[in-house]
């Protein structure tokens, strides 16, 4: 089975849904637990959105992740940050928004295309 296999797409969509839920919980909880190995808050934001973009790409294997999906992921990250302003012990951060966006852009520009070529994906 290939990584970009339509038979796996349903499972990647489940993983994407779970990852979105975990991201929401971790970012909107008033006092979230520290993530192991994530000494840098910005690195955690970057990796979360890189992972969400990867799972989005794998969830629809017939086409590379679209710019529309990127805009939605970036808007999701911005909405999280703005919502944090309404939660006790949380503050919105423009740098966190940039880290979220960087995770999306790095996947789209540098990881997704070579990954699709390397795995033999024809799209």
PDB file of N, CA and C in Angstrom:
ATOM      1  N   UNK A   1       0.826  -1.182   0.000  1.00  0.00           N
ATOM      2  CA  UNK A   1       0.000   0.000   0.000  1.00  0.00           C
ATOM      3  C   UNK A   1       0.875   1.252   0.000  1.00  0.00           C
ATOM      4  N   UNK A   2       0.474   2.232  -0.766  1.00  0.00           N
ATOM      5  CA  UNK A   2       1.210   3.495  -0.821  1.00  0.00           C
ATOM      6  C   UNK A   2       0.652   4.469   0.211  1.00  0.00           C
ATOM      7  N   UNK A   3       1.484   5.433   0.585  1.00  0.00           N
ATOM      8  CA  UNK A   3       1.087   6.434   1.565  1.00  0.00           C
ATOM      9  C   UNK A   3      -0.117   7.231   1.084  1.00  0.00           C
ATOM     10  N   UNK A   4      -0.140   7.611  -0.193  1.00  0.00           N
ATOM     11  CA  UNK A   4      -1.242   8.388  -0.748  1.00  0.00           C
ATOM     12  C   UNK A   4      -2.255   7.448  -1.411  1.00  0.00           C
ATOM     13  N   UNK A   5      -2.675   6.432  -0.690  1.00  0.00           N
ATOM     14  CA  UNK A   5      -3.597   5.421  -1.191  1.00  0.00           C
ATOM     15  C   UNK A   5      -5.028   5.784  -0.802  1.00  0.00           C
ATOM     16  N   UNK A   6      -5.953   5.774  -1.759  1.00  0.00           N
ATOM     17  CA  UNK A   6      -7.344   6.085  -1.424  1.00  0.00           C
ATOM     18  C   UNK A   6      -7.922   5.160  -0.344  1.00  0.00           C
ATOM     19  N   UNK A   7      -7.425   3.920  -0.261  1.00  0.00           N
ATOM     20  CA  UNK A   7      -7.924   2.995   0.767  1.00  0.00           C
ATOM     21  C   UNK A   7      -7.550   3.460   2.172  1.00  0.00           C
ATOM     22  N   UNK A   8      -6.472   4.215   2.293  1.00  0.00           N
ATOM     23  CA  UNK A   8      -6.046   4.721   3.598  1.00  0.00           C
ATOM     24  C   UNK A   8      -6.662   6.079   3.922  1.00  0.00           C
ATOM     25  N   UNK A   9      -7.236   6.740   2.930  1.00  0.00           N
ATOM     26  CA  UNK A   9      -7.715   8.112   3.107  1.00  0.00           C
ATOM     27  C   UNK A   9      -8.716   8.224   4.255  1.00  0.00           C
ATOM     28  N   UNK A  10      -9.609   7.260   4.388  1.00  0.00           N
ATOM     29  CA  UNK A  10     -10.607   7.326   5.459  1.00  0.00           C
ATOM     30  C   UNK A  10      -9.926   7.340   6.825  1.00  0.00           C
ATOM     31  N   UNK A  11      -8.881   6.535   6.982  1.00  0.00           N
ATOM     32  CA  UNK A  11      -8.175   6.482   8.263  1.00  0.00           C
ATOM     33  C   UNK A  11      -7.399   7.763   8.528  1.00  0.00           C
ATOM     34  N   UNK A  12      -6.865   8.352   7.469  1.00  0.00           N
ATOM     35  CA  UNK A  12      -6.192   9.634   7.645  1.00  0.00           C
ATOM     36  C   UNK A  12      -7.198  10.734   8.014  1.00  0.00           C
ATOM     37  N   UNK A  13      -8.422  10.646   7.495  1.00  0.00           N
ATOM     38  CA  UNK A  13      -9.448  11.616   7.873  1.00  0.00           C
ATOM     39  C   UNK A  13      -9.818  11.468   9.346  1.00  0.00           C
ATOM     40  N   UNK A  14      -9.876  10.219   9.819  1.00  0.00           N
ATOM     41  CA  UNK A  14     -10.111   9.991  11.251  1.00  0.00           C
ATOM     42  C   UNK A  14      -8.969  10.599  12.064  1.00  0.00           C
ATOM     43  N   UNK A  15      -7.737  10.350  11.630  1.00  0.00           N
ATOM     44  CA  UNK A  15      -6.572  10.902  12.334  1.00  0.00           C
ATOM     45  C   UNK A  15      -6.603  12.431  12.310  1.00  0.00           C
ATOM     46  N   UNK A  16      -7.012  13.016  11.182  1.00  0.00           N
ATOM     47  CA  UNK A  16      -7.114  14.472  11.075  1.00  0.00           C
ATOM     48  C   UNK A  16      -8.149  15.010  12.055  1.00  0.00           C
ATOM     49  N   UNK A  17      -9.283  14.348  12.150  1.00  0.00           N
ATOM     50  CA  UNK A  17     -10.335  14.769  13.077  1.00  0.00           C
ATOM     51  C   UNK A  17      -9.836  14.707  14.524  1.00  0.00           C
ATOM     52  N   UNK A  18      -9.147  13.629  14.860  1.00  0.00           N
ATOM     53  CA  UNK A  18      -8.589  13.489  16.207  1.00  0.00           C
ATOM     54  C   UNK A  18      -7.544  14.572  16.459  1.00  0.00           C
ATOM     55  N   UNK A  19      -6.688  14.825  15.472  1.00  0.00           N
ATOM     56  CA  UNK A  19      -5.638  15.848  15.620  1.00  0.00           C
ATOM     57  C   UNK A  19      -6.248  17.239  15.797  1.00  0.00           C
ATOM     58  N   UNK A  20      -7.319  17.531  15.082  1.00  0.00           N
ATOM     59  CA  UNK A  20      -8.007  18.820  15.254  1.00  0.00           C
ATOM     60  C   UNK A  20      -8.569  18.923  16.663  1.00  0.00           C
ATOM     61  N   UNK A  21      -9.170  17.836  17.132  1.00  0.00           N
ATOM     62  CA  UNK A  21      -9.711  17.825  18.498  1.00  0.00           C
ATOM     63  C   UNK A  21      -8.637  18.036  19.550  1.00  0.00           C
ATOM     64  N   UNK A  22      -7.521  17.350  19.393  1.00  0.00           N
ATOM     65  CA  UNK A  22      -6.408  17.507  20.339  1.00  0.00           C
ATOM     66  C   UNK A  22      -5.858  18.931  20.279  1.00  0.00           C
ATOM     67  N   UNK A  23      -5.733  19.464  19.077  1.00  0.00           N
ATOM     68  CA  UNK A  23      -5.232  20.832  18.917  1.00  0.00           C
ATOM     69  C   UNK A  23      -6.168  21.826  19.604  1.00  0.00           C
ATOM     70  N   UNK A  24      -7.462  21.666  19.399  1.00  0.00           N
ATOM     71  CA  UNK A  24      -8.426  22.551  20.058  1.00  0.00           C
ATOM     72  C   UNK A  24      -8.333  22.430  21.570  1.00  0.00           C
ATOM     73  N   UNK A  25      -8.294  21.216  22.073  1.00  0.00           N
ATOM     74  CA  UNK A  25      -8.236  21.012  23.518  1.00  0.00           C
ATOM     75  C   UNK A  25      -6.952  21.622  24.092  1.00  0.00           C
ATOM     76  N   UNK A  26      -5.827  21.337  23.452  1.00  0.00           N
ATOM     77  CA  UNK A  26      -4.546  21.818  23.959  1.00  0.00           C
ATOM     78  C   UNK A  26      -4.453  23.344  23.920  1.00  0.00           C
ATOM     79  N   UNK A  27      -5.047  23.953  22.910  1.00  0.00           N
ATOM     80  CA  UNK A  27      -4.906  25.403  22.758  1.00  0.00           C
ATOM     81  C   UNK A  27      -5.995  26.207  23.458  1.00  0.00           C
ATOM     82  N   UNK A  28      -7.118  25.571  23.785  1.00  0.00           N
ATOM     83  CA  UNK A  28      -8.211  26.318  24.401  1.00  0.00           C
ATOM     84  C   UNK A  28      -8.468  25.931  25.858  1.00  0.00           C
ATOM     85  N   UNK A  29      -7.665  25.046  26.408  1.00  0.00           N
ATOM     86  CA  UNK A  29      -7.761  24.693  27.821  1.00  0.00           C
ATOM     87  C   UNK A  29      -7.091  25.804  28.636  1.00  0.00           C
ATOM     88  N   UNK A  30      -7.735  26.260  29.729  1.00  0.00           N
ATOM     89  CA  UNK A  30      -7.133  27.349  30.507  1.00  0.00           C
ATOM     90  C   UNK A  30      -5.713  27.053  31.009  1.00  0.00           C
ATOM     91  N   UNK A  31      -5.452  25.839  31.440  1.00  0.00           N
ATOM     92  CA  UNK A  31      -4.115  25.478  31.931  1.00  0.00           C
ATOM     93  C   UNK A  31      -3.726  24.120  31.351  1.00  0.00           C
ATOM     94  N   UNK A  32      -3.317  24.094  30.080  1.00  0.00           N
ATOM     95  CA  UNK A  32      -3.011  22.798  29.451  1.00  0.00           C
ATOM     96  C   UNK A  32      -1.726  22.199  30.020  1.00  0.00           C
ATOM     97  N   UNK A  33      -1.645  20.866  29.999  1.00  0.00           N
ATOM     98  CA  UNK A  33      -0.388  20.244  30.430  1.00  0.00           C
ATOM     99  C   UNK A  33       0.717  20.536  29.417  1.00  0.00           C
ATOM    100  N   UNK A  34       1.933  20.586  29.896  1.00  0.00           N
ATOM    101  CA  UNK A  34       3.076  20.808  28.999  1.00  0.00           C
ATOM    102  C   UNK A  34       3.267  19.581  28.122  1.00  0.00           C
ATOM    103  N   UNK A  35       3.577  19.816  26.877  1.00  0.00           N
ATOM    104  CA  UNK A  35       3.849  18.708  25.968  1.00  0.00           C
ATOM    105  C   UNK A  35       5.286  18.248  26.163  1.00  0.00           C
ATOM    106  N   UNK A  36       5.497  16.934  26.278  1.00  0.00           N
ATOM    107  CA  UNK A  36       6.878  16.456  26.449  1.00  0.00           C
ATOM    108  C   UNK A  36       7.722  16.799  25.227  1.00  0.00           C
ATOM    109  N   UNK A  37       8.904  17.299  25.467  1.00  0.00           N
ATOM    110  CA  UNK A  37       9.815  17.616  24.380  1.00  0.00           C
ATOM    111  C   UNK A  37       9.522  18.923  23.673  1.00  0.00           C
ATOM    112  N   UNK A  38       8.487  19.638  24.111  1.00  0.00           N
ATOM    113  CA  UNK A  38       8.136  20.896  23.453  1.00  0.00           C
ATOM    114  C   UNK A  38       8.527  22.061  24.357  1.00  0.00           C
ATOM    115  N   UNK A  39       9.827  22.288  24.474  1.00  0.00           N
ATOM    116  CA  UNK A  39      10.297  23.390  25.304  1.00  0.00           C
ATOM    117  C   UNK A  39       9.901  24.730  24.698  1.00  0.00           C
ATOM    118  N   UNK A  40       9.787  24.780  23.401  1.00  0.00           N
ATOM    119  CA  UNK A  40       9.423  26.010  22.714  1.00  0.00           C
ATOM    120  C   UNK A  40       7.950  25.969  22.328  1.00  0.00           C
ATOM    121  N   UNK A  41       7.197  26.926  22.812  1.00  0.00           N
ATOM    122  CA  UNK A  41       5.786  27.046  22.473  1.00  0.00           C
ATOM    123  C   UNK A  41       5.619  27.231  20.963  1.00  0.00           C
ATOM    124  N   UNK A  42       6.503  28.006  20.364  1.00  0.00           N
ATOM    125  CA  UNK A  42       6.401  28.265  18.918  1.00  0.00           C
ATOM    126  C   UNK A  42       6.666  26.992  18.115  1.00  0.00           C
ATOM    127  N   UNK A  43       7.613  26.176  18.579  1.00  0.00           N
ATOM    128  CA  UNK A  43       7.882  24.909  17.905  1.00  0.00           C
ATOM    129  C   UNK A  43       6.665  23.987  17.989  1.00  0.00           C
ATOM    130  N   UNK A  44       5.993  23.981  19.130  1.00  0.00           N
ATOM    131  CA  UNK A  44       4.783  23.165  19.282  1.00  0.00           C
ATOM    132  C   UNK A  44       3.695  23.629  18.308  1.00  0.00           C
ATOM    133  N   UNK A  45       3.519  24.938  18.168  1.00  0.00           N
ATOM    134  CA  UNK A  45       2.537  25.476  17.216  1.00  0.00           C
ATOM    135  C   UNK A  45       2.918  25.082  15.785  1.00  0.00           C
ATOM    136  N   UNK A  46       4.180  25.268  15.452  1.00  0.00           N
ATOM    137  CA  UNK A  46       4.668  24.936  14.113  1.00  0.00           C
ATOM    138  C   UNK A  46       4.412  23.456  13.796  1.00  0.00           C
ATOM    139  N   UNK A  47       4.797  22.571  14.712  1.00  0.00           N
ATOM    140  CA  UNK A  47       4.655  21.136  14.472  1.00  0.00           C
ATOM    141  C   UNK A  47       3.186  20.715  14.401  1.00  0.00           C
ATOM    142  N   UNK A  48       2.338  21.324  15.227  1.00  0.00           N
ATOM    143  CA  UNK A  48       0.914  20.982  15.197  1.00  0.00           C
ATOM    144  C   UNK A  48       0.317  21.299  13.822  1.00  0.00           C
ATOM    145  N   UNK A  49       0.633  22.458  13.288  1.00  0.00           N
ATOM    146  CA  UNK A  49       0.035  22.841  12.008  1.00  0.00           C
ATOM    147  C   UNK A  49       0.722  22.172  10.819  1.00  0.00           C
ATOM    148  N   UNK A  50       1.974  21.823  10.949  1.00  0.00           N
ATOM    149  CA  UNK A  50       2.629  21.007   9.927  1.00  0.00           C
ATOM    150  C   UNK A  50       1.942  19.638   9.876  1.00  0.00           C
ATOM    151  N   UNK A  51       1.663  19.064  11.044  1.00  0.00           N
ATOM    152  CA  UNK A  51       0.992  17.763  11.123  1.00  0.00           C
ATOM    153  C   UNK A  51      -0.433  17.844  10.577  1.00  0.00           C
ATOM    154  N   UNK A  52      -1.164  18.897  10.927  1.00  0.00           N
ATOM    155  CA  UNK A  52      -2.525  19.053  10.396  1.00  0.00           C
ATOM    156  C   UNK A  52      -2.506  19.155   8.875  1.00  0.00           C
ATOM    157  N   UNK A  53      -1.524  19.849   8.325  1.00  0.00           N
ATOM    158  CA  UNK A  53      -1.429  19.987   6.869  1.00  0.00           C
ATOM    159  C   UNK A  53      -1.074  18.648   6.226  1.00  0.00           C
ATOM    160  N   UNK A  54      -0.155  17.907   6.827  1.00  0.00           N
ATOM    161  CA  UNK A  54       0.188  16.571   6.329  1.00  0.00           C
ATOM    162  C   UNK A  54      -1.048  15.668   6.327  1.00  0.00           C
ATOM    163  N   UNK A  55      -1.779  15.643   7.432  1.00  0.00           N
ATOM    164  CA  UNK A  55      -2.970  14.790   7.514  1.00  0.00           C
ATOM    165  C   UNK A  55      -4.047  15.230   6.529  1.00  0.00           C
ATOM    166  N   UNK A  56      -4.149  16.541   6.295  1.00  0.00           N
ATOM    167  CA  UNK A  56      -5.095  17.035   5.287  1.00  0.00           C
ATOM    168  C   UNK A  56      -4.693  16.518   3.907  1.00  0.00           C
ATOM    169  N   UNK A  57      -3.418  16.582   3.603  1.00  0.00           N
ATOM    170  CA  UNK A  57      -2.916  16.103   2.309  1.00  0.00           C
ATOM    171  C   UNK A  57      -3.175  14.609   2.141  1.00  0.00           C
ATOM    172  N   UNK A  58      -2.908  13.825   3.177  1.00  0.00           N
ATOM    173  CA  UNK A  58      -3.094  12.380   3.099  1.00  0.00           C
ATOM    174  C   UNK A  58      -4.565  11.976   3.071  1.00  0.00           C
ATOM    175  N   UNK A  59      -5.427  12.841   3.583  1.00  0.00           N
ATOM    176  CA  UNK A  59      -6.858  12.534   3.647  1.00  0.00           C
ATOM    177  C   UNK A  59      -7.554  12.620   2.295  1.00  0.00           C
ATOM    178  N   UNK A  60      -6.978  13.353   1.370  1.00  0.00           N
ATOM    179  CA  UNK A  60      -7.541  13.484   0.023  1.00  0.00           C
ATOM    180  C   UNK A  60      -6.425  13.214  -0.983  1.00  0.00           C
ATOM    181  N   UNK A  61      -6.100  11.932  -1.201  1.00  0.00           N
ATOM    182  CA  UNK A  61      -4.921  11.578  -1.997  1.00  0.00           C
ATOM    183  C   UNK A  61      -5.024  11.872  -3.486  1.00  0.00           C
ATOM    184  N   UNK A  62      -6.196  12.138  -4.001  1.00  0.00           N
ATOM    185  CA  UNK A  62      -6.351  12.374  -5.431  1.00  0.00           C
ATOM    186  C   UNK A  62      -5.811  13.707  -5.893  1.00  0.00           C
ATOM    187  N   UNK A  63      -5.534  14.585  -4.964  1.00  0.00           N
ATOM    188  CA  UNK A  63      -5.032  15.904  -5.345  1.00  0.00           C
ATOM    189  C   UNK A  63      -4.141  16.441  -4.232  1.00  0.00           C
ATOM    190  N   UNK A  64      -3.136  17.208  -4.605  1.00  0.00           N
ATOM    191  CA  UNK A  64      -2.293  17.820  -3.569  1.00  0.00           C
ATOM    192  C   UNK A  64      -3.130  18.769  -2.712  1.00  0.00           C
ATOM    193  N   UNK A  65      -2.705  18.969  -1.501  1.00  0.00           N
ATOM    194  CA  UNK A  65      -3.427  19.868  -0.611  1.00  0.00           C
ATOM    195  C   UNK A  65      -3.558  21.227  -1.294  1.00  0.00           C
ATOM    196  N   UNK A  66      -4.767  21.755  -1.292  1.00  0.00           N
ATOM    197  CA  UNK A  66      -5.047  22.981  -2.047  1.00  0.00           C
ATOM    198  C   UNK A  66      -4.737  24.225  -1.224  1.00  0.00           C
ATOM    199  N   UNK A  67      -4.644  25.337  -1.926  1.00  0.00           N
ATOM    200  CA  UNK A  67      -4.451  26.606  -1.236  1.00  0.00           C
ATOM    201  C   UNK A  67      -5.677  26.933  -0.401  1.00  0.00           C
ATOM    202  N   UNK A  68      -6.846  26.461  -0.831  1.00  0.00           N
ATOM    203  CA  UNK A  68      -8.067  26.674  -0.044  1.00  0.00           C
ATOM    204  C   UNK A  68      -7.927  25.995   1.318  1.00  0.00           C
ATOM    205  N   UNK A  69      -7.399  24.769   1.326  1.00  0.00           N
ATOM    206  CA  UNK A  69      -7.174  24.068   2.595  1.00  0.00           C
ATOM    207  C   UNK A  69      -6.155  24.816   3.447  1.00  0.00           C
ATOM    208  N   UNK A  70      -5.143  25.382   2.801  1.00  0.00           N
ATOM    209  CA  UNK A  70      -4.127  26.154   3.537  1.00  0.00           C
ATOM    210  C   UNK A  70      -4.738  27.386   4.184  1.00  0.00           C
ATOM    211  N   UNK A  71      -5.604  28.063   3.446  1.00  0.00           N
ATOM    212  CA  UNK A  71      -6.265  29.252   3.994  1.00  0.00           C
ATOM    213  C   UNK A  71      -7.149  28.847   5.168  1.00  0.00           C
ATOM    214  N   UNK A  72      -7.859  27.721   5.036  1.00  0.00           N
ATOM    215  CA  UNK A  72      -8.704  27.254   6.136  1.00  0.00           C
ATOM    216  C   UNK A  72      -7.873  26.881   7.364  1.00  0.00           C
ATOM    217  N   UNK A  73      -6.743  26.219   7.150  1.00  0.00           N
ATOM    218  CA  UNK A  73      -5.875  25.879   8.281  1.00  0.00           C
ATOM    219  C   UNK A  73      -5.300  27.138   8.927  1.00  0.00           C
ATOM    220  N   UNK A  74      -4.895  28.100   8.119  1.00  0.00           N
ATOM    221  CA  UNK A  74      -4.380  29.363   8.671  1.00  0.00           C
ATOM    222  C   UNK A  74      -5.479  30.101   9.428  1.00  0.00           C
ATOM    223  N   UNK A  75      -6.696  30.101   8.899  1.00  0.00           N
ATOM    224  CA  UNK A  75      -7.823  30.743   9.588  1.00  0.00           C
ATOM    225  C   UNK A  75      -8.143  30.012  10.885  1.00  0.00           C
ATOM    226  N   UNK A  76      -8.039  28.697  10.879  1.00  0.00           N
ATOM    227  CA  UNK A  76      -8.241  27.896  12.088  1.00  0.00           C
ATOM    228  C   UNK A  76      -7.231  28.312  13.160  1.00  0.00           C
ATOM    229  N   UNK A  77      -5.971  28.447  12.765  1.00  0.00           N
ATOM    230  CA  UNK A  77      -4.933  28.871  13.701  1.00  0.00           C
ATOM    231  C   UNK A  77      -5.183  30.274  14.237  1.00  0.00           C
ATOM    232  N   UNK A  78      -5.613  31.176  13.370  1.00  0.00           N
ATOM    233  CA  UNK A  78      -5.906  32.547  13.801  1.00  0.00           C
ATOM    234  C   UNK A  78      -7.119  32.566  14.733  1.00  0.00           C
ATOM    235  N   UNK A  79      -8.142  31.777  14.411  1.00  0.00           N
ATOM    236  CA  UNK A  79      -9.342  31.712  15.260  1.00  0.00           C
ATOM    237  C   UNK A  79      -8.998  31.188  16.650  1.00  0.00           C
ATOM    238  N   UNK A  80      -8.124  30.198  16.711  1.00  0.00           N
ATOM    239  CA  UNK A  80      -7.688  29.680  18.008  1.00  0.00           C
ATOM    240  C   UNK A  80      -7.039  30.793  18.817  1.00  0.00           C
ATOM    241  N   UNK A  81      -6.130  31.511  18.185  1.00  0.00           N
ATOM    242  CA  UNK A  81      -5.418  32.576  18.909  1.00  0.00           C
ATOM    243  C   UNK A  81      -6.375  33.665  19.376  1.00  0.00           C
ATOM    244  N   UNK A  82      -7.304  34.055  18.543  1.00  0.00           N
ATOM    245  CA  UNK A  82      -8.257  35.090  18.937  1.00  0.00           C
ATOM    246  C   UNK A  82      -9.168  34.602  20.065  1.00  0.00           C
ATOM    247  N   UNK A  83      -9.566  33.346  20.009  1.00  0.00           N
ATOM    248  CA  UNK A  83     -10.412  32.760  21.052  1.00  0.00           C
ATOM    249  C   UNK A  83      -9.673  32.682  22.381  1.00  0.00           C
ATOM    250  N   UNK A  84      -8.369  32.489  22.337  1.00  0.00           N
ATOM    251  CA  UNK A  84      -7.598  32.423  23.576  1.00  0.00           C
ATOM    252  C   UNK A  84      -7.727  33.704  24.401  1.00  0.00           C
ATOM    253  N   UNK A  85      -8.007  34.806  23.762  1.00  0.00           N
ATOM    254  CA  UNK A  85      -8.213  36.056  24.486  1.00  0.00           C
ATOM    255  C   UNK A  85      -9.434  36.037  25.385  1.00  0.00           C
ATOM    256  N   UNK A  86     -10.341  35.086  25.155  1.00  0.00           N
ATOM    257  CA  UNK A  86     -11.570  34.974  25.953  1.00  0.00           C
ATOM    258  C   UNK A  86     -11.435  33.946  27.078  1.00  0.00           C
ATOM    259  N   UNK A  87     -10.312  33.272  27.157  1.00  0.00           N
ATOM    260  CA  UNK A  87     -10.120  32.174  28.105  1.00  0.00           C
ATOM    261  C   UNK A  87      -9.186  32.617  29.227  1.00  0.00           C
ATOM    262  N   UNK A  88      -9.582  32.335  30.480  1.00  0.00           N
ATOM    263  CA  UNK A  88      -8.697  32.696  31.597  1.00  0.00           C
ATOM    264  C   UNK A  88      -7.326  32.028  31.453  1.00  0.00           C
ATOM    265  N   UNK A  89      -6.295  32.733  31.849  1.00  0.00           N
ATOM    266  CA  UNK A  89      -4.910  32.250  31.817  1.00  0.00           C
ATOM    267  C   UNK A  89      -4.345  32.061  30.412  1.00  0.00           C
ATOM    268  N   UNK A  90      -5.056  32.526  29.391  1.00  0.00           N
ATOM    269  CA  UNK A  90      -4.559  32.405  28.011  1.00  0.00           C
ATOM    270  C   UNK A  90      -4.521  33.790  27.386  1.00  0.00           C
ATOM    271  N   UNK A  91      -3.590  33.989  26.497  1.00  0.00           N
ATOM    272  CA  UNK A  91      -3.464  35.257  25.782  1.00  0.00           C
ATOM    273  C   UNK A  91      -3.244  34.981  24.302  1.00  0.00           C
ATOM    274  N   UNK A  92      -3.905  35.755  23.436  1.00  0.00           N
ATOM    275  CA  UNK A  92      -3.647  35.589  22.000  1.00  0.00           C
ATOM    276  C   UNK A  92      -2.234  36.067  21.675  1.00  0.00           C
ATOM    277  N   UNK A  93      -1.655  35.460  20.649  1.00  0.00           N
ATOM    278  CA  UNK A  93      -0.287  35.827  20.281  1.00  0.00           C
ATOM    279  C   UNK A  93      -0.132  35.850  18.763  1.00  0.00           C
ATOM    280  N   UNK A  94       0.318  36.973  18.267  1.00  0.00           N
ATOM    281  CA  UNK A  94       0.596  37.076  16.830  1.00  0.00           C
ATOM    282  C   UNK A  94       1.741  36.146  16.442  1.00  0.00           C
ATOM    283  N   UNK A  95       2.709  35.953  17.331  1.00  0.00           N
ATOM    284  CA  UNK A  95       3.819  35.040  17.024  1.00  0.00           C
ATOM    285  C   UNK A  95       3.345  33.594  16.935  1.00  0.00           C
ATOM    286  N   UNK A  96       2.362  33.235  17.768  1.00  0.00           N
ATOM    287  CA  UNK A  96       1.785  31.890  17.652  1.00  0.00           C
ATOM    288  C   UNK A  96       1.070  31.727  16.317  1.00  0.00           C
ATOM    289  N   UNK A  97       0.347  32.782  15.886  1.00  0.00           N
ATOM    290  CA  UNK A  97      -0.315  32.736  14.574  1.00  0.00           C
ATOM    291  C   UNK A  97       0.715  32.544  13.462  1.00  0.00           C
ATOM    292  N   UNK A  98       1.834  33.236  13.568  1.00  0.00           N
ATOM    293  CA  UNK A  98       2.895  33.088  12.560  1.00  0.00           C
ATOM    294  C   UNK A  98       3.493  31.685  12.588  1.00  0.00           C
ATOM    295  N   UNK A  99       3.667  31.116  13.769  1.00  0.00           N
ATOM    296  CA  UNK A  99       4.196  29.753  13.874  1.00  0.00           C
ATOM    297  C   UNK A  99       3.216  28.757  13.252  1.00  0.00           C
ATOM    298  N   UNK A 100       1.910  28.961  13.486  1.00  0.00           N
ATOM    299  CA  UNK A 100       0.889  28.101  12.869  1.00  0.00           C
ATOM    300  C   UNK A 100       0.983  28.187  11.342  1.00  0.00           C
ATOM    301  N   UNK A 101       1.024  29.404  10.844  1.00  0.00           N
ATOM    302  CA  UNK A 101       1.104  29.635   9.397  1.00  0.00           C
ATOM    303  C   UNK A 101       2.396  29.055   8.821  1.00  0.00           C
ATOM    304  N   UNK A 102       3.487  29.198   9.548  1.00  0.00           N
ATOM    305  CA  UNK A 102       4.768  28.654   9.077  1.00  0.00           C
ATOM    306  C   UNK A 102       4.692  27.140   8.913  1.00  0.00           C
ATOM    307  N   UNK A 103       4.012  26.443   9.825  1.00  0.00           N
ATOM    308  CA  UNK A 103       3.861  24.993   9.701  1.00  0.00           C
ATOM    309  C   UNK A 103       3.135  24.613   8.423  1.00  0.00           C
ATOM    310  N   UNK A 104       2.093  25.359   8.087  1.00  0.00           N
ATOM    311  CA  UNK A 104       1.329  25.109   6.858  1.00  0.00           C
ATOM    312  C   UNK A 104       2.202  25.389   5.634  1.00  0.00           C
ATOM    313  N   UNK A 105       2.858  26.531   5.613  1.00  0.00           N
ATOM    314  CA  UNK A 105       3.651  26.950   4.452  1.00  0.00           C
ATOM    315  C   UNK A 105       4.846  26.024   4.223  1.00  0.00           C
ATOM    316  N   UNK A 106       5.514  25.622   5.287  1.00  0.00           N
ATOM    317  CA  UNK A 106       6.670  24.727   5.137  1.00  0.00           C
ATOM    318  C   UNK A 106       6.236  23.394   4.536  1.00  0.00           C
ATOM    319  N   UNK A 107       5.097  22.865   4.978  1.00  0.00           N
ATOM    320  CA  UNK A 107       4.629  21.611   4.387  1.00  0.00           C
ATOM    321  C   UNK A 107       4.320  21.806   2.900  1.00  0.00           C
ATOM    322  N   UNK A 108       3.558  22.845   2.573  1.00  0.00           N
ATOM    323  CA  UNK A 108       3.139  23.092   1.188  1.00  0.00           C
ATOM    324  C   UNK A 108       4.334  23.334   0.269  1.00  0.00           C
ATOM    325  N   UNK A 109       5.296  24.092   0.742  1.00  0.00           N
ATOM    326  CA  UNK A 109       6.407  24.491  -0.120  1.00  0.00           C
ATOM    327  C   UNK A 109       7.535  23.472  -0.172  1.00  0.00           C
ATOM    328  N   UNK A 110       7.811  22.808   0.937  1.00  0.00           N
ATOM    329  CA  UNK A 110       9.031  21.996   0.997  1.00  0.00           C
ATOM    330  C   UNK A 110       8.828  20.516   1.270  1.00  0.00           C
ATOM    331  N   UNK A 111       7.730  20.121   1.897  1.00  0.00           N
ATOM    332  CA  UNK A 111       7.570  18.715   2.283  1.00  0.00           C
ATOM    333  C   UNK A 111       6.586  17.986   1.378  1.00  0.00           C
ATOM    334  N   UNK A 112       5.422  18.579   1.152  1.00  0.00           N
ATOM    335  CA  UNK A 112       4.382  17.914   0.370  1.00  0.00           C
ATOM    336  C   UNK A 112       4.791  17.506  -1.032  1.00  0.00           C
ATOM    337  N   UNK A 113       5.299  18.439  -1.848  1.00  0.00           N
ATOM    338  CA  UNK A 113       5.649  18.050  -3.222  1.00  0.00           C
ATOM    339  C   UNK A 113       6.702  16.943  -3.314  1.00  0.00           C
ATOM    340  N   UNK A 114       7.831  17.024  -2.576  1.00  0.00           N
ATOM    341  CA  UNK A 114       8.794  15.921  -2.668  1.00  0.00           C
ATOM    342  C   UNK A 114       8.240  14.608  -2.105  1.00  0.00           C
ATOM    343  N   UNK A 115       7.415  14.690  -1.063  1.00  0.00           N
ATOM    344  CA  UNK A 115       6.826  13.480  -0.492  1.00  0.00           C
ATOM    345  C   UNK A 115       5.939  12.790  -1.517  1.00  0.00           C
ATOM    346  N   UNK A 116       5.146  13.570  -2.231  1.00  0.00           N
ATOM    347  CA  UNK A 116       4.276  12.993  -3.269  1.00  0.00           C
ATOM    348  C   UNK A 116       5.114  12.383  -4.406  1.00  0.00           C
ATOM    349  N   UNK A 117       6.184  13.068  -4.825  1.00  0.00           N
ATOM    350  CA  UNK A 117       7.040  12.512  -5.878  1.00  0.00           C
ATOM    351  C   UNK A 117       7.716  11.232  -5.415  1.00  0.00           C
ATOM    352  N   UNK A 118       8.247  11.248  -4.207  1.00  0.00           N
ATOM    353  CA  UNK A 118       8.999  10.106  -3.670  1.00  0.00           C
ATOM    354  C   UNK A 118       8.113   8.872  -3.476  1.00  0.00           C
ATOM    355  N   UNK A 119       6.853   9.102  -3.118  1.00  0.00           N
ATOM    356  CA  UNK A 119       5.956   7.968  -2.870  1.00  0.00           C
ATOM    357  C   UNK A 119       5.223   7.523  -4.132  1.00  0.00           C
ATOM    358  N   UNK A 120       5.518   8.161  -5.252  1.00  0.00           N
ATOM    359  CA  UNK A 120       4.924   7.731  -6.519  1.00  0.00           C
ATOM    360  C   UNK A 120       3.513   8.237  -6.752  1.00  0.00           C
ATOM    361  N   UNK A 121       3.099   9.235  -6.013  1.00  0.00           N
ATOM    362  CA  UNK A 121       1.780   9.807  -6.212  1.00  0.00           C
ATOM    363  C   UNK A 121       1.763  10.547  -7.543  1.00  0.00           C
ATOM    364  N   UNK A 122       0.780  10.296  -8.371  1.00  0.00           N
ATOM    365  CA  UNK A 122       0.758  10.860  -9.725  1.00  0.00           C
ATOM    366  C   UNK A 122       0.151  12.240  -9.812  1.00  0.00           C
ATOM    367  N   UNK A 123      -0.342  12.790  -8.709  1.00  0.00           N
ATOM    368  CA  UNK A 123      -1.004  14.097  -8.808  1.00  0.00           C
ATOM    369  C   UNK A 123      -0.033  15.192  -8.478  1.00  0.00           C
TER     370      UNK A 123
END
